Amino acid sequence: MPTYIFVAKNSKGEIKSGEMEGKDEHQVAENLRGEGFFLTAIHGKEKEKESKFKMPSFGGVSLKDKMMFARHLGVMLSSGLSLPKALTVISSQTKNKKFKTVLEELGEEVKMGNSLADSLAKHPVFDELSVNMIRVGEVGGNLEEVLKLLADQLEKEHNLLSRVKGAMYYPSVILLVMLGVGIAMMTFVVPKLTTIFEDIQTPLPLTTRIIISVSDYMASHQIIVGLALVGTVAVLIVFFKSSFGKKTASTIFAKAPVIKKMMIKINNARFARIYSSLTKSGVSVVESLKIISRTLTNDYYQKAFLEIGEGVQKGKTLHEELSKFPKLFPILTIQMVEVGEETGKTADVLTNLADFYEEEINQITKNLSSIIEPVLMVMIGVAVGFFAISMILPMYSIMDQM
């Protein structure tokens, strides 16, 4: 049977959203009526064909662009502007050409009578989190409030990812400089030293012969080497953007000693922040967990939240389900969720938990350079030492013989 995404209300004004299987929309409406809810919005869920290796699309819309869109749209709607007019104004001020086109299409679809959430769902630049929050906001009549909540969520997400990426810039730049210097040495410096060895015709150590052979090939095949480097980078980018590559990256992050701790804190912070935002918007617990499983990029957490959602749907508490994955969720997360469930303030408690983890991540990223720097210095020392032993010591041997 097909699956439908729905939003419904009961006589008390409580909102319920989620997915339900049914022969058609009428059957879903009847099932909801049996639970005391009246259907307010429904549409079929398109089945996505997944592949182990999927070619990614390059370029797109940044989190910052989407955050500014949500914030500006909420302010304009609260000021009394109509939704089509607000979308027109925002699109005219957007510098990102792709996002500008998307916003213009959104404006046209809304003018035709489509809801904002349904219009957003047609564009891949908007994730499921944004679509579901806005859908509930439209049904509940508090779209401006939900947009502010969404903007805050995206801003926190942007700040978190910016800190992590910023911490990786330093080692990345050092490694790129090392690679560039190495290529320059092998292409231009080593060939000049090689002529000296050829003139004297003295036996050379194995490491020296290896460096000379590699240098000769790079010097005489510069175009091939350049294309190989560009091709390797392109393949790595495509690979790690594919679903199989993401699973590989998840495994690497789960095993690496220093990165493992940061990966756990990042995913716990994202879970706490996203879950809090969704529940505050009126999305049901089970549906929130399903959305989180599709929003987090780490494969281990995606699978865990699918199982957790199934357990909660069967009547188990959230903290009981989280405790089944002690390697993914620290005891602090489980205890805080338990406190939230007992007091009925899970959303507020998780907001505080997200703040705590984000501050810890901030401290880790600040100290990361001091952790990585000794490792980089050792790598540079080994590379320089290997080159010195291989190329300079033979020259001293030749001078001694002379």
Protein backbone atom coordinates (compact mmCIF):
# COMPACT_ATOMS: atom_id res chain seq x y z
CA MET A 1 0.00 0.00 0.00
CA PRO A 2 1.18 3.55 -0.67
CA THR A 3 2.47 5.72 2.16
CA TYR A 4 0.99 9.18 2.84
CA ILE A 5 2.41 12.10 4.80
CA PHE A 6 -0.35 13.79 6.82
CA VAL A 7 -1.11 16.58 9.26
CA ALA A 8 -4.20 16.32 11.47
CA LYS A 9 -5.92 18.10 14.39
CA ASN A 10 -8.17 16.92 17.18
CA SER A 11 -11.00 18.75 18.96
CA LYS A 12 -8.54 20.17 21.53
CA GLY A 13 -6.45 21.78 18.82
CA GLU A 14 -3.54 19.33 19.21
CA ILE A 15 -1.57 18.73 16.01
CA LYS A 16 -0.43 15.33 14.84
CA SER A 17 1.77 14.72 11.81
CA GLY A 18 3.52 11.68 10.40
CA GLU A 19 3.32 8.90 7.84
CA MET A 20 0.57 6.32 7.40
CA GLU A 21 -0.04 3.52 4.93
CA GLY A 22 -3.44 3.30 3.28
CA LYS A 23 -5.26 2.22 0.16
CA ASP A 24 -5.99 5.86 -0.60
CA GLU A 25 -6.35 9.25 1.11
CA HIS A 26 -9.89 8.45 2.27
CA GLN A 27 -8.73 5.37 4.17
CA VAL A 28 -6.01 7.44 5.92
CA ALA A 29 -8.66 10.04 6.86
CA GLU A 30 -10.91 7.30 8.28
CA ASN A 31 -8.05 5.82 10.31
CA LEU A 32 -7.28 9.24 11.78
CA ARG A 33 -10.94 9.86 12.60
CA GLY A 34 -10.92 6.62 14.55
CA GLU A 35 -8.09 8.09 16.64
CA GLY A 36 -10.03 11.32 17.20
CA PHE A 37 -8.12 13.41 14.66
CA PHE A 38 -9.38 15.25 11.57
CA LEU A 39 -7.20 15.35 8.48
CA THR A 40 -6.04 18.86 7.47
CA ALA A 41 -3.29 18.12 4.92
CA ILE A 42 -2.10 15.01 3.09
CA HIS A 43 0.06 14.07 0.14
CA GLY A 44 1.62 10.88 -1.18
CA LYS A 45 5.20 10.09 -0.29
CA GLU A 46 7.41 9.55 -3.32
CA LYS A 47 9.60 6.48 -3.14
CA GLU A 48 13.27 7.24 -3.61
CA LYS A 49 15.42 4.78 -5.47
CA GLU A 50 18.61 4.40 -3.49
CA SER A 51 21.89 3.27 -4.94
CA LYS A 52 25.11 2.36 -3.24
CA PHE A 53 27.00 4.80 -5.42
CA LYS A 54 25.16 7.96 -6.32
CA MET A 55 26.66 10.80 -8.32
CA PRO A 56 26.33 13.98 -6.27
CA SER A 57 25.31 17.37 -7.58
CA PHE A 58 27.94 20.07 -7.19
CA GLY A 59 27.05 23.58 -6.11
CA GLY A 60 23.89 24.43 -4.25
CA VAL A 61 22.36 26.47 -1.48
CA SER A 62 24.24 26.96 1.78
CA LEU A 63 22.78 26.62 5.27
CA LYS A 64 23.34 30.35 5.72
CA ASP A 65 21.17 31.14 2.66
CA LYS A 66 18.35 28.95 3.97
CA MET A 67 18.68 30.39 7.46
CA MET A 68 18.40 33.96 6.14
CA PHE A 69 15.41 32.91 4.01
CA ALA A 70 13.54 31.51 7.03
CA ARG A 71 14.38 34.51 9.20
CA HIS A 72 13.44 37.13 6.58
CA LEU A 73 10.25 35.31 5.60
CA GLY A 74 9.13 35.11 9.24
CA VAL A 75 9.77 38.83 9.78
CA MET A 76 7.92 39.81 6.59
CA LEU A 77 4.89 37.64 7.37
CA SER A 78 4.68 39.00 10.92
CA SER A 79 4.82 42.53 9.43
CA GLY A 80 1.68 41.84 7.40
CA LEU A 81 3.12 41.03 3.96
CA SER A 82 1.37 38.31 2.00
CA LEU A 83 3.30 35.09 1.39
CA PRO A 84 3.66 35.55 -2.43
CA LYS A 85 4.82 39.16 -1.96
CA ALA A 86 7.32 38.15 0.73
CA LEU A 87 8.78 35.43 -1.52
CA THR A 88 9.09 37.94 -4.38
CA VAL A 89 10.94 40.44 -2.18
CA ILE A 90 13.33 37.79 -0.81
CA SER A 91 14.07 36.36 -4.27
CA SER A 92 14.90 39.86 -5.58
CA GLN A 93 17.45 40.31 -2.76
CA THR A 94 19.07 36.86 -3.10
CA LYS A 95 22.51 36.79 -4.72
CA ASN A 96 22.72 33.00 -5.10
CA LYS A 97 21.42 32.40 -8.65
CA LYS A 98 20.25 28.85 -7.98
CA PHE A 99 18.39 29.84 -4.81
CA LYS A 100 16.93 32.89 -6.58
CA THR A 101 15.44 30.61 -9.24
CA VAL A 102 14.03 28.29 -6.57
CA LEU A 103 12.41 31.20 -4.69
CA GLU A 104 10.87 32.56 -7.90
CA GLU A 105 9.37 29.11 -8.58
CA LEU A 106 8.09 28.95 -4.98
CA GLY A 107 6.35 32.30 -5.46
CA GLU A 108 4.62 31.08 -8.62
CA GLU A 109 3.50 27.83 -6.97
CA VAL A 110 2.10 29.67 -3.93
CA LYS A 111 0.20 32.08 -6.22
CA MET A 112 -1.38 29.03 -7.88
CA GLY A 113 -2.82 27.99 -4.50
CA ASN A 114 -0.24 25.44 -3.33
CA SER A 115 0.82 25.48 0.31
CA LEU A 116 4.33 26.66 1.12
CA ALA A 117 5.30 23.25 2.55
CA ASP A 118 4.12 21.37 -0.56
CA SER A 119 6.00 23.85 -2.74
CA LEU A 120 9.18 23.46 -0.67
CA ALA A 121 8.93 19.65 -0.88
CA LYS A 122 9.30 19.84 -4.68
CA HIS A 123 12.77 21.39 -4.38
CA PRO A 124 15.69 19.22 -3.11
CA VAL A 125 17.48 22.26 -1.63
CA PHE A 126 15.01 22.17 1.28
CA ASP A 127 15.47 19.21 3.61
CA GLU A 128 12.73 17.19 5.26
CA LEU A 129 13.25 19.00 8.56
CA SER A 130 12.35 22.39 7.06
CA VAL A 131 9.41 21.04 5.06
CA ASN A 132 7.81 19.28 8.04
CA MET A 133 8.24 22.21 10.42
CA ILE A 134 6.71 24.63 7.92
CA ARG A 135 3.83 22.23 7.16
CA VAL A 136 2.92 22.01 10.83
CA GLY A 137 3.26 25.79 11.15
CA GLU A 138 0.84 26.36 8.26
CA VAL A 139 -1.72 23.97 9.70
CA GLY A 140 -1.38 25.30 13.24
CA GLY A 141 -1.58 28.93 12.14
CA ASN A 142 1.75 29.83 13.77
CA LEU A 143 3.95 29.91 10.66
CA GLU A 144 5.82 33.06 11.75
CA GLU A 145 6.78 31.43 15.06
CA VAL A 146 7.84 28.20 13.36
CA LEU A 147 9.94 30.11 10.81
CA LYS A 148 11.77 31.86 13.65
CA LEU A 149 12.35 28.48 15.31
CA LEU A 150 13.59 27.04 12.00
CA ALA A 151 15.93 30.00 11.44
CA ASP A 152 17.40 29.53 14.93
CA GLN A 153 17.86 25.81 14.24
CA LEU A 154 19.63 26.44 10.92
CA GLU A 155 21.81 29.14 12.49
CA LYS A 156 22.95 26.78 15.26
CA GLU A 157 23.59 24.08 12.64
CA HIS A 158 25.61 26.53 10.52
CA ASN A 159 27.69 27.67 13.50
CA LEU A 160 28.38 24.10 14.58
CA LEU A 161 29.53 22.95 11.13
CA SER A 162 31.56 26.15 10.64
CA ARG A 163 33.53 25.46 13.83
CA VAL A 164 34.31 21.90 12.74
CA LYS A 165 35.30 22.94 9.20
CA GLY A 166 37.37 25.83 10.56
CA ALA A 167 39.35 23.45 12.76
CA MET A 168 40.26 21.38 9.71
CA TYR A 169 41.51 24.31 7.60
CA TYR A 170 44.93 24.50 9.30
CA PRO A 171 45.98 20.85 8.78
CA SER A 172 44.49 20.88 5.28
CA VAL A 173 46.54 23.92 4.25
CA ILE A 174 49.74 22.43 5.73
CA LEU A 175 49.22 19.14 3.88
CA LEU A 176 48.50 20.95 0.59
CA VAL A 177 51.66 23.05 0.97
CA MET A 178 53.68 19.89 1.71
CA LEU A 179 52.26 18.23 -1.39
CA GLY A 180 52.98 21.30 -3.53
CA VAL A 181 56.57 21.61 -2.28
CA GLY A 182 57.11 17.88 -2.80
CA ILE A 183 55.88 18.03 -6.40
CA ALA A 184 58.04 21.09 -7.10
CA MET A 185 61.12 19.39 -5.64
CA MET A 186 60.56 16.20 -7.62
CA THR A 187 59.85 18.07 -10.87
CA PHE A 188 62.48 20.83 -10.83
CA VAL A 189 65.13 20.28 -8.11
CA VAL A 190 65.82 16.54 -8.20
CA PRO A 191 66.50 16.45 -12.01
CA LYS A 192 69.35 18.96 -11.51
CA LEU A 193 70.87 16.79 -8.78
CA THR A 194 70.42 13.70 -10.97
CA THR A 195 72.79 15.10 -13.63
CA ILE A 196 75.55 15.26 -10.99
CA PHE A 197 75.09 11.58 -10.12
CA GLU A 198 75.03 10.60 -13.82
CA ASP A 199 78.32 12.40 -14.53
CA ILE A 200 80.16 10.70 -11.67
CA GLN A 201 78.55 7.27 -12.30
CA THR A 202 78.80 6.07 -8.70
CA PRO A 203 76.54 3.41 -7.10
CA LEU A 204 73.51 5.00 -5.39
CA PRO A 205 71.40 3.78 -2.45
CA LEU A 206 68.00 2.21 -3.18
CA THR A 207 66.01 5.17 -1.77
CA THR A 208 67.97 7.57 -3.98
CA ARG A 209 67.31 5.47 -7.08
CA ILE A 210 63.58 5.36 -6.24
CA ILE A 211 63.38 9.16 -5.86
CA ILE A 212 65.29 9.69 -9.12
CA SER A 213 63.00 7.28 -11.01
CA VAL A 214 59.86 9.00 -9.71
CA SER A 215 61.35 12.41 -10.46
CA ASP A 216 62.29 11.43 -14.02
CA TYR A 217 58.75 10.22 -14.69
CA MET A 218 57.14 13.36 -13.21
CA ALA A 219 59.50 15.67 -15.13
CA SER A 220 58.87 13.97 -18.47
CA HIS A 221 55.10 13.39 -17.98
CA GLN A 222 53.96 16.62 -16.31
CA ILE A 223 50.58 16.68 -18.08
CA ILE A 224 49.79 13.08 -17.12
CA VAL A 225 50.81 13.71 -13.50
CA GLY A 226 48.71 16.90 -13.37
CA LEU A 227 45.66 15.13 -14.80
CA ALA A 228 46.18 12.22 -12.39
CA LEU A 229 46.21 14.59 -9.39
CA VAL A 230 43.07 16.43 -10.56
CA GLY A 231 41.36 13.11 -11.33
CA THR A 232 42.26 11.67 -7.91
CA VAL A 233 40.82 14.72 -6.13
CA ALA A 234 37.64 14.58 -8.24
CA VAL A 235 37.18 10.84 -7.59
CA LEU A 236 37.65 11.32 -3.84
CA ILE A 237 35.10 14.16 -3.77
CA VAL A 238 32.56 12.09 -5.73
CA PHE A 239 33.25 9.01 -3.60
CA PHE A 240 32.80 10.72 -0.23
CA LYS A 241 29.63 12.46 -1.43
CA SER A 242 28.11 9.12 -2.47
CA SER A 243 26.09 6.98 -0.05
CA PHE A 244 28.79 4.28 -0.03
CA GLY A 245 31.47 6.90 0.60
CA LYS A 246 29.47 8.38 3.47
CA LYS A 247 29.22 4.93 5.06
CA THR A 248 32.99 4.54 4.69
CA ALA A 249 33.56 7.96 6.27
CA SER A 250 31.19 7.06 9.12
CA THR A 251 33.25 3.93 9.83
CA ILE A 252 36.52 5.90 9.78
CA PHE A 253 35.15 8.57 12.14
CA ALA A 254 33.79 5.90 14.48
CA LYS A 255 37.25 4.30 14.84
CA ALA A 256 39.65 7.28 14.85
CA PRO A 257 40.69 8.02 18.49
CA VAL A 258 40.45 11.84 18.57
CA ILE A 259 37.79 12.27 15.89
CA LYS A 260 35.54 9.62 17.48
CA LYS A 261 34.80 11.75 20.57
CA MET A 262 34.07 14.83 18.50
CA MET A 263 31.83 12.82 16.14
CA ILE A 264 29.74 11.58 19.10
CA LYS A 265 29.34 15.10 20.52
CA ILE A 266 28.43 16.58 17.11
CA ASN A 267 25.73 13.99 16.43
CA ASN A 268 24.32 14.22 19.95
CA ALA A 269 24.19 18.00 19.69
CA ARG A 270 22.44 17.81 16.32
CA PHE A 271 19.96 15.21 17.62
CA ALA A 272 19.12 17.32 20.67
CA ARG A 273 18.73 20.53 18.66
CA ILE A 274 16.68 19.01 15.81
CA TYR A 275 14.42 16.95 18.11
CA SER A 276 13.76 20.01 20.28
CA SER A 277 12.88 22.18 17.26
CA LEU A 278 10.57 19.55 15.75
CA THR A 279 8.65 18.84 18.94
CA LYS A 280 8.28 22.56 19.68
CA SER A 281 6.82 22.94 16.18
CA GLY A 282 4.22 20.25 16.86
CA VAL A 283 5.73 17.29 14.97
CA SER A 284 4.99 13.95 16.63
CA VAL A 285 7.74 12.09 18.50
CA VAL A 286 7.85 9.13 16.11
CA GLU A 287 7.88 11.35 13.03
CA SER A 288 10.61 13.53 14.60
CA LEU A 289 12.82 10.48 15.09
CA LYS A 290 12.26 9.40 11.48
CA ILE A 291 13.20 12.86 10.24
CA ILE A 292 16.35 12.84 12.40
CA SER A 293 17.34 9.45 10.97
CA ARG A 294 17.21 10.97 7.49
CA THR A 295 18.83 14.28 8.50
CA LEU A 296 21.96 13.06 10.29
CA THR A 297 24.71 12.12 7.85
CA ASN A 298 26.49 9.50 9.98
CA ASP A 299 25.39 6.00 8.93
CA TYR A 300 25.55 4.56 12.48
CA TYR A 301 23.23 7.24 13.86
CA GLN A 302 20.83 6.91 10.91
CA LYS A 303 20.34 3.21 11.60
CA ALA A 304 20.12 3.78 15.35
CA PHE A 305 17.33 6.36 15.06
CA LEU A 306 15.34 4.11 12.73
CA GLU A 307 15.38 1.42 15.43
CA ILE A 308 14.69 3.95 18.19
CA GLY A 309 11.68 5.28 16.27
CA GLU A 310 10.28 1.78 15.90
CA GLY A 311 10.73 1.14 19.62
CA VAL A 312 9.02 4.40 20.63
CA GLN A 313 6.16 3.60 18.24
CA LYS A 314 5.65 0.35 20.16
CA GLY A 315 5.28 2.25 23.43
CA LYS A 316 8.83 2.33 24.77
CA THR A 317 10.23 5.57 26.23
CA LEU A 318 12.86 7.51 24.28
CA HIS A 319 15.55 7.22 26.97
CA GLU A 320 15.08 3.43 27.13
CA GLU A 321 15.64 3.17 23.38
CA LEU A 322 18.67 5.49 23.48
CA SER A 323 20.25 3.35 26.22
CA LYS A 324 20.41 0.43 23.76
CA PHE A 325 23.19 2.29 21.94
CA PRO A 326 25.73 3.18 24.68
CA LYS A 327 28.54 3.69 22.14
CA LEU A 328 26.55 6.37 20.31
CA PHE A 329 24.77 8.15 23.18
CA PRO A 330 26.69 9.16 26.34
CA ILE A 331 25.04 8.59 29.70
CA LEU A 332 24.48 12.36 29.96
CA THR A 333 22.21 12.34 26.89
CA ILE A 334 20.19 9.40 28.20
CA GLN A 335 19.78 10.93 31.67
CA MET A 336 18.77 14.33 30.32
CA VAL A 337 16.15 12.76 28.04
CA GLU A 338 14.82 10.75 31.00
CA VAL A 339 14.52 13.94 33.07
CA GLY A 340 12.72 15.65 30.19
CA GLU A 341 10.25 12.79 29.82
CA GLU A 342 9.53 12.70 33.56
CA THR A 343 8.96 16.48 33.78
CA GLY A 344 7.21 16.82 30.41
CA LYS A 345 9.81 19.35 29.24
CA THR A 346 11.87 17.23 26.87
CA ALA A 347 12.18 19.98 24.25
CA ASP A 348 13.55 22.53 26.74
CA VAL A 349 15.90 20.03 28.35
CA LEU A 350 17.31 19.00 24.96
CA THR A 351 17.81 22.63 23.98
CA ASN A 352 20.04 23.02 27.05
CA LEU A 353 21.79 19.74 26.23
CA ALA A 354 22.49 20.92 22.68
CA ASP A 355 23.97 24.17 24.06
CA PHE A 356 26.22 22.13 26.39
CA TYR A 357 27.52 19.84 23.62
CA GLU A 358 28.03 22.75 21.21
CA GLU A 359 30.15 24.56 23.80
CA GLU A 360 32.24 21.41 24.31
CA ILE A 361 32.69 21.09 20.53
CA ASN A 362 33.77 24.73 20.46
CA GLN A 363 36.46 24.00 23.04
CA ILE A 364 37.62 20.86 21.20
CA THR A 365 37.93 22.70 17.88
CA LYS A 366 39.94 25.47 19.57
CA ASN A 367 42.38 22.91 20.95
CA LEU A 368 42.42 20.72 17.84
CA SER A 369 45.24 22.64 16.17
CA SER A 370 47.50 22.09 19.21
CA ILE A 371 46.71 18.36 18.99
CA ILE A 372 47.27 18.08 15.24
CA GLU A 373 50.36 20.33 15.07
CA PRO A 374 52.82 17.79 16.62
CA VAL A 375 51.56 15.11 14.23
CA LEU A 376 52.10 17.43 11.25
CA MET A 377 55.58 18.36 12.49
CA VAL A 378 56.53 14.67 12.72
CA MET A 379 55.21 14.08 9.18
CA ILE A 380 57.18 17.04 7.83
CA GLY A 381 60.30 15.91 9.70
CA VAL A 382 60.03 12.38 8.31
CA ALA A 383 59.54 13.68 4.75
CA VAL A 384 62.46 16.13 4.98
CA GLY A 385 64.68 13.53 6.66
CA PHE A 386 63.91 10.90 4.01
CA PHE A 387 64.72 13.36 1.22
CA ALA A 388 67.92 14.54 2.94
CA ILE A 389 69.19 11.01 3.53
CA SER A 390 68.34 9.92 0.01
CA MET A 391 69.72 12.92 -1.93
CA ILE A 392 72.19 14.89 0.18
CA LEU A 393 74.19 12.10 1.87
CA PRO A 394 75.17 10.50 -1.50
CA MET A 395 76.53 13.91 -2.54
CA TYR A 396 78.70 14.05 0.60
CA SER A 397 79.94 10.53 -0.20
CA ILE A 398 80.91 11.67 -3.70
CA MET A 399 82.75 14.69 -2.32
CA ASP A 400 84.69 12.44 0.11
CA GLN A 401 85.75 10.23 -2.80
CA MET A 402 86.98 13.26 -4.71
